[in-house]
């Protein structure tokens, strides 16, 4: 049987991978060193699991909010340009895959690896380290900010093209 914290970290990893693949968006702004939330004086293993669950929920909400609108705008561009399905696949690629999006995806992968490591460390530690919990929450904020910026970049790029 796997420890619960490991399963939840894996669930976050799947959500983040889906976000990186399905919600390609955002303008590159290197993750600004955000101040991590203050570490609580005392913490327990369940708080590590809860922190990971909250981040996964926030990313799901972000993707569920943006994906339909982005797809609708892509369809508008397809109609405006009268692309057939094959043209659409080729012509739409720059809106979901470019150098900046690759940077966002790389940053997301780095953050995910750190979050997975810290979440597992916290869930498996004999005594929870509240400082690590604060750092974990800070990384999750940076991750959500990175994905938000990515969506903004993709929408801006698509809106610019629709306006032509």
Foldseek 3Di string as FASTA:
>chain_A
DDQPLLVLLVLLVVLLVCLLQQQQFAADDPQDQDQFPDFDPADALVLLSVLSVVLSVLSVVVCVVQRVVLVVLLVVLCVVVVPDPVVSVVVCVVLRDDDRSVVLSVLLVVLSVLLSVLSVCQNPPPGHDRVSSRVSNSSSVSNSVSSVRGNVGSVVVSVVSSVD
